[in-house]
Amino acid sequence: MQRLLYLKDVSTLALDHHRCNGCGTCLKVCPQAVLSIVDKKATIADKDACMECGACAINCKQEALSVRSGVGCANAIINGALNRDSACCC
C-alpha cells in the first residue's frame, strides 16, 4: 500500500519533549506512523505524513503533543478538488 503524504511543511503537529514520559500511546493511536520513540521519548519522525487527525494529542495524558486537527487533511481535499496531486483518507 502506498504511504499517504499530505502537503509539505504545513502540519501543525508539535511535541514538547520535556512533557513526554515515553509511554508510547501516541505511536499506538497514530494511523500514519508519524511518531517514534528515541532515547525513551517520543519524536516526530515524519511530520509531512501527519494528517492532523488529533489522535496523538487527544490521547497524550502528559499533554506533550499538540495539533490543530483537520488542517492538513482539509488542505489535501482542497488540492484534490483543484486537480493537484493530493491524497486523503477522508
PDB file of N, CA and C in Angstrom:
ATOM      1  N   MET A   1       0.842  -1.191   0.000  1.00  0.00           N
ATOM      2  CA  MET A   1       0.000   0.000   0.000  1.00  0.00           C
ATOM      3  C   MET A   1       0.882   1.248   0.000  1.00  0.00           C
ATOM      4  N   GLN A   2       0.546   2.203  -0.823  1.00  0.00           N
ATOM      5  CA  GLN A   2       1.305   3.433  -0.913  1.00  0.00           C
ATOM      6  C   GLN A   2       1.086   4.280   0.331  1.00  0.00           C
ATOM      7  N   ARG A   3       2.161   4.850   0.857  1.00  0.00           N
ATOM      8  CA  ARG A   3       2.089   5.701   2.040  1.00  0.00           C
ATOM      9  C   ARG A   3       1.467   7.038   1.652  1.00  0.00           C
ATOM     10  N   LEU A   4       0.464   7.472   2.413  1.00  0.00           N
ATOM     11  CA  LEU A   4      -0.200   8.741   2.137  1.00  0.00           C
ATOM     12  C   LEU A   4       0.640   9.898   2.650  1.00  0.00           C
ATOM     13  N   LEU A   5       0.855  10.873   1.810  1.00  0.00           N
ATOM     14  CA  LEU A   5       1.552  12.097   2.204  1.00  0.00           C
ATOM     15  C   LEU A   5       0.638  13.268   1.905  1.00  0.00           C
ATOM     16  N   TYR A   6       0.728  14.282   2.689  1.00  0.00           N
ATOM     17  CA  TYR A   6      -0.134  15.436   2.558  1.00  0.00           C
ATOM     18  C   TYR A   6       0.680  16.598   2.010  1.00  0.00           C
ATOM     19  N   LEU A   7       0.462  17.764   2.439  1.00  0.00           N
ATOM     20  CA  LEU A   7       1.198  18.915   1.926  1.00  0.00           C
ATOM     21  C   LEU A   7       2.476  19.119   2.722  1.00  0.00           C
ATOM     22  N   LYS A   8       3.560  19.365   2.037  1.00  0.00           N
ATOM     23  CA  LYS A   8       4.864  19.518   2.674  1.00  0.00           C
ATOM     24  C   LYS A   8       4.900  20.775   3.543  1.00  0.00           C
ATOM     25  N   ASP A   9       5.423  20.596   4.746  1.00  0.00           N
ATOM     26  CA  ASP A   9       5.668  21.690   5.701  1.00  0.00           C
ATOM     27  C   ASP A   9       4.417  22.466   6.110  1.00  0.00           C
ATOM     28  N   VAL A  10       3.258  21.824   6.194  1.00  0.00           N
ATOM     29  CA  VAL A  10       2.062  22.528   6.656  1.00  0.00           C
ATOM     30  C   VAL A  10       1.490  21.974   7.962  1.00  0.00           C
ATOM     31  N   SER A  11       1.937  20.815   8.371  1.00  0.00           N
ATOM     32  CA  SER A  11       1.385  20.182   9.580  1.00  0.00           C
ATOM     33  C   SER A  11       1.625  21.061  10.811  1.00  0.00           C
ATOM     34  N   THR A  12       0.605  21.127  11.647  1.00  0.00           N
ATOM     35  CA  THR A  12       0.698  21.920  12.883  1.00  0.00           C
ATOM     36  C   THR A  12       1.140  21.073  14.074  1.00  0.00           C
ATOM     37  N   LEU A  13       1.500  19.821  13.830  1.00  0.00           N
ATOM     38  CA  LEU A  13       1.925  18.915  14.889  1.00  0.00           C
ATOM     39  C   LEU A  13       3.155  19.461  15.614  1.00  0.00           C
ATOM     40  N   ALA A  14       3.086  19.488  16.948  1.00  0.00           N
ATOM     41  CA  ALA A  14       4.219  19.945  17.764  1.00  0.00           C
ATOM     42  C   ALA A  14       4.360  19.024  18.967  1.00  0.00           C
ATOM     43  N   LEU A  15       5.593  18.841  19.416  1.00  0.00           N
ATOM     44  CA  LEU A  15       5.898  17.965  20.535  1.00  0.00           C
ATOM     45  C   LEU A  15       6.762  18.698  21.552  1.00  0.00           C
ATOM     46  N   ASP A  16       6.351  18.661  22.820  1.00  0.00           N
ATOM     47  CA  ASP A  16       7.144  19.216  23.921  1.00  0.00           C
ATOM     48  C   ASP A  16       7.883  18.048  24.573  1.00  0.00           C
ATOM     49  N   HIS A  17       9.170  17.894  24.239  1.00  0.00           N
ATOM     50  CA  HIS A  17       9.959  16.760  24.723  1.00  0.00           C
ATOM     51  C   HIS A  17      10.037  16.727  26.248  1.00  0.00           C
ATOM     52  N   HIS A  18       9.979  17.880  26.888  1.00  0.00           N
ATOM     53  CA  HIS A  18      10.079  17.940  28.351  1.00  0.00           C
ATOM     54  C   HIS A  18       8.862  17.320  29.030  1.00  0.00           C
ATOM     55  N   ARG A  19       7.714  17.381  28.393  1.00  0.00           N
ATOM     56  CA  ARG A  19       6.493  16.804  28.970  1.00  0.00           C
ATOM     57  C   ARG A  19       6.360  15.310  28.700  1.00  0.00           C
ATOM     58  N   CYS A  20       6.979  14.833  27.632  1.00  0.00           N
ATOM     59  CA  CYS A  20       6.841  13.434  27.215  1.00  0.00           C
ATOM     60  C   CYS A  20       7.467  12.494  28.248  1.00  0.00           C
ATOM     61  N   ASN A  21       6.709  11.436  28.595  1.00  0.00           N
ATOM     62  CA  ASN A  21       7.247  10.429  29.514  1.00  0.00           C
ATOM     63  C   ASN A  21       7.592   9.126  28.786  1.00  0.00           C
ATOM     64  N   GLY A  22       7.465   9.117  27.464  1.00  0.00           N
ATOM     65  CA  GLY A  22       7.847   7.956  26.674  1.00  0.00           C
ATOM     66  C   GLY A  22       6.906   6.772  26.764  1.00  0.00           C
ATOM     67  N   CYS A  23       5.652   6.998  27.123  1.00  0.00           N
ATOM     68  CA  CYS A  23       4.694   5.894  27.303  1.00  0.00           C
ATOM     69  C   CYS A  23       4.372   5.174  25.997  1.00  0.00           C
ATOM     70  N   GLY A  24       4.470   5.862  24.852  1.00  0.00           N
ATOM     71  CA  GLY A  24       4.232   5.246  23.556  1.00  0.00           C
ATOM     72  C   GLY A  24       2.786   5.228  23.095  1.00  0.00           C
ATOM     73  N   THR A  25       1.887   5.817  23.865  1.00  0.00           N
ATOM     74  CA  THR A  25       0.482   5.838  23.458  1.00  0.00           C
ATOM     75  C   THR A  25       0.310   6.521  22.107  1.00  0.00           C
ATOM     76  N   CYS A  26       1.037   7.579  21.875  1.00  0.00           N
ATOM     77  CA  CYS A  26       0.925   8.316  20.616  1.00  0.00           C
ATOM     78  C   CYS A  26       1.269   7.438  19.414  1.00  0.00           C
ATOM     79  N   LEU A  27       2.240   6.564  19.564  1.00  0.00           N
ATOM     80  CA  LEU A  27       2.604   5.653  18.484  1.00  0.00           C
ATOM     81  C   LEU A  27       1.482   4.674  18.188  1.00  0.00           C
ATOM     82  N   LYS A  28       0.805   4.224  19.225  1.00  0.00           N
ATOM     83  CA  LYS A  28      -0.268   3.243  19.064  1.00  0.00           C
ATOM     84  C   LYS A  28      -1.483   3.832  18.360  1.00  0.00           C
ATOM     85  N   VAL A  29      -1.779   5.112  18.589  1.00  0.00           N
ATOM     86  CA  VAL A  29      -3.001   5.699  18.028  1.00  0.00           C
ATOM     87  C   VAL A  29      -2.788   6.432  16.706  1.00  0.00           C
ATOM     88  N   CYS A  30      -1.561   6.696  16.337  1.00  0.00           N
ATOM     89  CA  CYS A  30      -1.285   7.426  15.090  1.00  0.00           C
ATOM     90  C   CYS A  30      -1.477   6.504  13.882  1.00  0.00           C
ATOM     91  N   PRO A  31      -2.418   6.834  12.990  1.00  0.00           N
ATOM     92  CA  PRO A  31      -2.666   5.972  11.827  1.00  0.00           C
ATOM     93  C   PRO A  31      -1.607   6.087  10.740  1.00  0.00           C
ATOM     94  N   GLN A  32      -0.707   7.048  10.851  1.00  0.00           N
ATOM     95  CA  GLN A  32       0.284   7.286   9.801  1.00  0.00           C
ATOM     96  C   GLN A  32       1.718   7.003  10.241  1.00  0.00           C
ATOM     97  N   ALA A  33       1.928   6.487  11.452  1.00  0.00           N
ATOM     98  CA  ALA A  33       3.273   6.199  11.964  1.00  0.00           C
ATOM     99  C   ALA A  33       4.180   7.433  11.886  1.00  0.00           C
ATOM    100  N   VAL A  34       3.641   8.556  12.296  1.00  0.00           N
ATOM    101  CA  VAL A  34       4.370   9.826  12.253  1.00  0.00           C
ATOM    102  C   VAL A  34       5.408   9.918  13.372  1.00  0.00           C
ATOM    103  N   LEU A  35       5.134   9.247  14.477  1.00  0.00           N
ATOM    104  CA  LEU A  35       5.970   9.364  15.667  1.00  0.00           C
ATOM    105  C   LEU A  35       6.794   8.106  15.909  1.00  0.00           C
ATOM    106  N   SER A  36       7.887   8.265  16.650  1.00  0.00           N
ATOM    107  CA  SER A  36       8.698   7.122  17.062  1.00  0.00           C
ATOM    108  C   SER A  36       9.269   7.430  18.445  1.00  0.00           C
ATOM    109  N   ILE A  37       9.847   6.429  19.075  1.00  0.00           N
ATOM    110  CA  ILE A  37      10.491   6.610  20.374  1.00  0.00           C
ATOM    111  C   ILE A  37      12.003   6.588  20.167  1.00  0.00           C
ATOM    112  N   VAL A  38      12.673   7.617  20.644  1.00  0.00           N
ATOM    113  CA  VAL A  38      14.127   7.717  20.592  1.00  0.00           C
ATOM    114  C   VAL A  38      14.593   8.130  21.978  1.00  0.00           C
ATOM    115  N   ASP A  39      15.514   7.383  22.531  1.00  0.00           N
ATOM    116  CA  ASP A  39      16.033   7.671  23.876  1.00  0.00           C
ATOM    117  C   ASP A  39      14.911   7.817  24.899  1.00  0.00           C
ATOM    118  N   LYS A  40      13.939   6.908  24.830  1.00  0.00           N
ATOM    119  CA  LYS A  40      12.821   6.822  25.772  1.00  0.00           C
ATOM    120  C   LYS A  40      11.878   8.025  25.752  1.00  0.00           C
ATOM    121  N   LYS A  41      11.860   8.745  24.638  1.00  0.00           N
ATOM    122  CA  LYS A  41      10.953   9.882  24.452  1.00  0.00           C
ATOM    123  C   LYS A  41      10.376   9.830  23.045  1.00  0.00           C
ATOM    124  N   ALA A  42       9.172  10.331  22.888  1.00  0.00           N
ATOM    125  CA  ALA A  42       8.586  10.412  21.551  1.00  0.00           C
ATOM    126  C   ALA A  42       9.340  11.451  20.731  1.00  0.00           C
ATOM    127  N   THR A  43       9.359  11.230  19.436  1.00  0.00           N
ATOM    128  CA  THR A  43       9.935  12.185  18.498  1.00  0.00           C
ATOM    129  C   THR A  43       9.088  12.171  17.233  1.00  0.00           C
ATOM    130  N   ILE A  44       9.059  13.274  16.539  1.00  0.00           N
ATOM    131  CA  ILE A  44       8.318  13.354  15.281  1.00  0.00           C
ATOM    132  C   ILE A  44       9.241  12.833  14.180  1.00  0.00           C
ATOM    133  N   ALA A  45       8.895  11.661  13.648  1.00  0.00           N
ATOM    134  CA  ALA A  45       9.743  11.004  12.656  1.00  0.00           C
ATOM    135  C   ALA A  45       9.422  11.437  11.230  1.00  0.00           C
ATOM    136  N   ASP A  46       8.154  11.746  10.959  1.00  0.00           N
ATOM    137  CA  ASP A  46       7.739  12.090   9.591  1.00  0.00           C
ATOM    138  C   ASP A  46       6.573  13.083   9.649  1.00  0.00           C
ATOM    139  N   LYS A  47       6.875  14.320   9.939  1.00  0.00           N
ATOM    140  CA  LYS A  47       5.845  15.342  10.130  1.00  0.00           C
ATOM    141  C   LYS A  47       4.970  15.538   8.896  1.00  0.00           C
ATOM    142  N   ASP A  48       5.540  15.403   7.718  1.00  0.00           N
ATOM    143  CA  ASP A  48       4.763  15.604   6.490  1.00  0.00           C
ATOM    144  C   ASP A  48       3.729  14.501   6.254  1.00  0.00           C
ATOM    145  N   ALA A  49       3.850  13.376   6.949  1.00  0.00           N
ATOM    146  CA  ALA A  49       2.853  12.308   6.829  1.00  0.00           C
ATOM    147  C   ALA A  49       1.678  12.524   7.777  1.00  0.00           C
ATOM    148  N   CYS A  50       1.762  13.506   8.654  1.00  0.00           N
ATOM    149  CA  CYS A  50       0.705  13.773   9.627  1.00  0.00           C
ATOM    150  C   CYS A  50      -0.542  14.288   8.918  1.00  0.00           C
ATOM    151  N   MET A  51      -1.672  13.605   9.162  1.00  0.00           N
ATOM    152  CA  MET A  51      -2.935  14.040   8.575  1.00  0.00           C
ATOM    153  C   MET A  51      -3.747  14.877   9.557  1.00  0.00           C
ATOM    154  N   GLU A  52      -3.151  15.204  10.678  1.00  0.00           N
ATOM    155  CA  GLU A  52      -3.729  16.083  11.697  1.00  0.00           C
ATOM    156  C   GLU A  52      -5.077  15.597  12.209  1.00  0.00           C
ATOM    157  N   CYS A  53      -5.176  14.298  12.429  1.00  0.00           N
ATOM    158  CA  CYS A  53      -6.422  13.745  12.970  1.00  0.00           C
ATOM    159  C   CYS A  53      -6.591  14.099  14.447  1.00  0.00           C
ATOM    160  N   GLY A  54      -5.483  14.354  15.138  1.00  0.00           N
ATOM    161  CA  GLY A  54      -5.533  14.753  16.549  1.00  0.00           C
ATOM    162  C   GLY A  54      -5.497  13.603  17.537  1.00  0.00           C
ATOM    163  N   ALA A  55      -5.437  12.362  17.055  1.00  0.00           N
ATOM    164  CA  ALA A  55      -5.459  11.203  17.960  1.00  0.00           C
ATOM    165  C   ALA A  55      -4.301  11.235  18.951  1.00  0.00           C
ATOM    166  N   CYS A  56      -3.134  11.621  18.523  1.00  0.00           N
ATOM    167  CA  CYS A  56      -1.976  11.642  19.422  1.00  0.00           C
ATOM    168  C   CYS A  56      -2.172  12.654  20.549  1.00  0.00           C
ATOM    169  N   ALA A  57      -2.606  13.852  20.209  1.00  0.00           N
ATOM    170  CA  ALA A  57      -2.788  14.906  21.215  1.00  0.00           C
ATOM    171  C   ALA A  57      -3.924  14.580  22.179  1.00  0.00           C
ATOM    172  N   ILE A  58      -5.012  14.037  21.652  1.00  0.00           N
ATOM    173  CA  ILE A  58      -6.158  13.702  22.497  1.00  0.00           C
ATOM    174  C   ILE A  58      -5.791  12.621  23.509  1.00  0.00           C
ATOM    175  N   ASN A  59      -4.956  11.672  23.105  1.00  0.00           N
ATOM    176  CA  ASN A  59      -4.617  10.535  23.956  1.00  0.00           C
ATOM    177  C   ASN A  59      -3.359  10.730  24.790  1.00  0.00           C
ATOM    178  N   CYS A  60      -2.672  11.841  24.652  1.00  0.00           N
ATOM    179  CA  CYS A  60      -1.455  12.097  25.426  1.00  0.00           C
ATOM    180  C   CYS A  60      -1.820  12.675  26.791  1.00  0.00           C
ATOM    181  N   LYS A  61      -1.691  11.851  27.825  1.00  0.00           N
ATOM    182  CA  LYS A  61      -2.024  12.288  29.184  1.00  0.00           C
ATOM    183  C   LYS A  61      -1.050  13.340  29.702  1.00  0.00           C
ATOM    184  N   GLN A  62       0.128  13.409  29.112  1.00  0.00           N
ATOM    185  CA  GLN A  62       1.141  14.383  29.528  1.00  0.00           C
ATOM    186  C   GLN A  62       0.975  15.734  28.819  1.00  0.00           C
ATOM    187  N   GLU A  63       0.057  15.787  27.857  1.00  0.00           N
ATOM    188  CA  GLU A  63      -0.160  16.976  27.032  1.00  0.00           C
ATOM    189  C   GLU A  63       1.135  17.433  26.354  1.00  0.00           C
ATOM    190  N   ALA A  64       1.908  16.444  25.898  1.00  0.00           N
ATOM    191  CA  ALA A  64       3.180  16.737  25.236  1.00  0.00           C
ATOM    192  C   ALA A  64       2.999  17.025  23.749  1.00  0.00           C
ATOM    193  N   LEU A  65       1.876  16.612  23.199  1.00  0.00           N
ATOM    194  CA  LEU A  65       1.623  16.807  21.772  1.00  0.00           C
ATOM    195  C   LEU A  65       0.490  17.786  21.552  1.00  0.00           C
ATOM    196  N   SER A  66       0.622  18.582  20.512  1.00  0.00           N
ATOM    197  CA  SER A  66      -0.462  19.487  20.124  1.00  0.00           C
ATOM    198  C   SER A  66      -0.567  19.492  18.604  1.00  0.00           C
ATOM    199  N   VAL A  67      -1.790  19.680  18.125  1.00  0.00           N
ATOM    200  CA  VAL A  67      -2.046  19.725  16.693  1.00  0.00           C
ATOM    201  C   VAL A  67      -3.402  20.386  16.479  1.00  0.00           C
ATOM    202  N   ARG A  68      -3.510  21.175  15.438  1.00  0.00           N
ATOM    203  CA  ARG A  68      -4.807  21.748  15.060  1.00  0.00           C
ATOM    204  C   ARG A  68      -5.484  20.737  14.150  1.00  0.00           C
ATOM    205  N   SER A  69      -6.355  19.954  14.713  1.00  0.00           N
ATOM    206  CA  SER A  69      -6.974  18.843  13.985  1.00  0.00           C
ATOM    207  C   SER A  69      -7.654  19.289  12.703  1.00  0.00           C
ATOM    208  N   GLY A  70      -7.413  18.510  11.647  1.00  0.00           N
ATOM    209  CA  GLY A  70      -8.111  18.703  10.388  1.00  0.00           C
ATOM    210  C   GLY A  70      -7.455  19.596   9.371  1.00  0.00           C
ATOM    211  N   VAL A  71      -6.504  20.397   9.759  1.00  0.00           N
ATOM    212  CA  VAL A  71      -5.926  21.366   8.822  1.00  0.00           C
ATOM    213  C   VAL A  71      -5.257  20.677   7.641  1.00  0.00           C
ATOM    214  N   GLY A  72      -4.400  19.710   7.876  1.00  0.00           N
ATOM    215  CA  GLY A  72      -3.681  19.036   6.789  1.00  0.00           C
ATOM    216  C   GLY A  72      -4.609  18.263   5.885  1.00  0.00           C
ATOM    217  N   CYS A  73      -5.557  17.559   6.469  1.00  0.00           N
ATOM    218  CA  CYS A  73      -6.497  16.771   5.685  1.00  0.00           C
ATOM    219  C   CYS A  73      -7.373  17.691   4.826  1.00  0.00           C
ATOM    220  N   ALA A  74      -7.814  18.784   5.396  1.00  0.00           N
ATOM    221  CA  ALA A  74      -8.632  19.741   4.644  1.00  0.00           C
ATOM    222  C   ALA A  74      -7.846  20.300   3.460  1.00  0.00           C
ATOM    223  N   ASN A  75      -6.588  20.611   3.673  1.00  0.00           N
ATOM    224  CA  ASN A  75      -5.760  21.101   2.579  1.00  0.00           C
ATOM    225  C   ASN A  75      -5.621  20.056   1.480  1.00  0.00           C
ATOM    226  N   ALA A  76      -5.500  18.790   1.865  1.00  0.00           N
ATOM    227  CA  ALA A  76      -5.387  17.719   0.880  1.00  0.00           C
ATOM    228  C   ALA A  76      -6.659  17.614   0.044  1.00  0.00           C
ATOM    229  N   ILE A  77      -7.804  17.750   0.687  1.00  0.00           N
ATOM    230  CA  ILE A  77      -9.084  17.691  -0.030  1.00  0.00           C
ATOM    231  C   ILE A  77      -9.207  18.852  -1.008  1.00  0.00           C
ATOM    232  N   ILE A  78      -8.831  20.038  -0.579  1.00  0.00           N
ATOM    233  CA  ILE A  78      -8.892  21.225  -1.447  1.00  0.00           C
ATOM    234  C   ILE A  78      -7.978  21.043  -2.654  1.00  0.00           C
ATOM    235  N   ASN A  79      -6.752  20.580  -2.416  1.00  0.00           N
ATOM    236  CA  ASN A  79      -5.833  20.367  -3.535  1.00  0.00           C
ATOM    237  C   ASN A  79      -6.351  19.294  -4.480  1.00  0.00           C
ATOM    238  N   GLY A  80      -6.998  18.266  -3.934  1.00  0.00           N
ATOM    239  CA  GLY A  80      -7.603  17.247  -4.786  1.00  0.00           C
ATOM    240  C   GLY A  80      -8.700  17.820  -5.649  1.00  0.00           C
ATOM    241  N   ALA A  81      -9.504  18.717  -5.085  1.00  0.00           N
ATOM    242  CA  ALA A  81     -10.595  19.357  -5.843  1.00  0.00           C
ATOM    243  C   ALA A  81     -10.039  20.262  -6.949  1.00  0.00           C
ATOM    244  N   LEU A  82      -8.833  20.779  -6.727  1.00  0.00           N
ATOM    245  CA  LEU A  82      -8.192  21.646  -7.728  1.00  0.00           C
ATOM    246  C   LEU A  82      -7.361  20.840  -8.723  1.00  0.00           C
ATOM    247  N   ASN A  83      -7.506  19.504  -8.659  1.00  0.00           N
ATOM    248  CA  ASN A  83      -6.785  18.587  -9.548  1.00  0.00           C
ATOM    249  C   ASN A  83      -5.273  18.666  -9.382  1.00  0.00           C
ATOM    250  N   ARG A  84      -4.823  18.972  -8.192  1.00  0.00           N
ATOM    251  CA  ARG A  84      -3.391  18.893  -7.879  1.00  0.00           C
ATOM    252  C   ARG A  84      -3.167  17.528  -7.265  1.00  0.00           C
ATOM    253  N   ASP A  85      -1.918  17.075  -7.264  1.00  0.00           N
ATOM    254  CA  ASP A  85      -1.603  15.797  -6.629  1.00  0.00           C
ATOM    255  C   ASP A  85      -1.929  15.905  -5.153  1.00  0.00           C
ATOM    256  N   SER A  86      -2.754  14.995  -4.668  1.00  0.00           N
ATOM    257  CA  SER A  86      -3.168  15.021  -3.286  1.00  0.00           C
ATOM    258  C   SER A  86      -3.699  13.658  -2.891  1.00  0.00           C
ATOM    259  N   ALA A  87      -3.572  13.352  -1.617  1.00  0.00           N
ATOM    260  CA  ALA A  87      -4.129  12.104  -1.101  1.00  0.00           C
ATOM    261  C   ALA A  87      -4.739  12.382   0.252  1.00  0.00           C
ATOM    262  N   CYS A  88      -5.900  11.842   0.466  1.00  0.00           N
ATOM    263  CA  CYS A  88      -6.558  11.993   1.755  1.00  0.00           C
ATOM    264  C   CYS A  88      -7.389  10.762   2.025  1.00  0.00           C
ATOM    265  N   CYS A  89      -7.376  10.295   3.257  1.00  0.00           N
ATOM    266  CA  CYS A  89      -8.113   9.081   3.583  1.00  0.00           C
ATOM    267  C   CYS A  89      -9.539   9.388   4.026  1.00  0.00           C
ATOM    268  N   CYS A  90      -9.947  10.637   4.022  1.00  0.00           N
ATOM    269  CA  CYS A  90     -11.284  11.011   4.471  1.00  0.00           C
ATOM    270  C   CYS A  90     -12.303  10.536   3.483  1.00  0.00           C
TER     271      CYS A  90
END
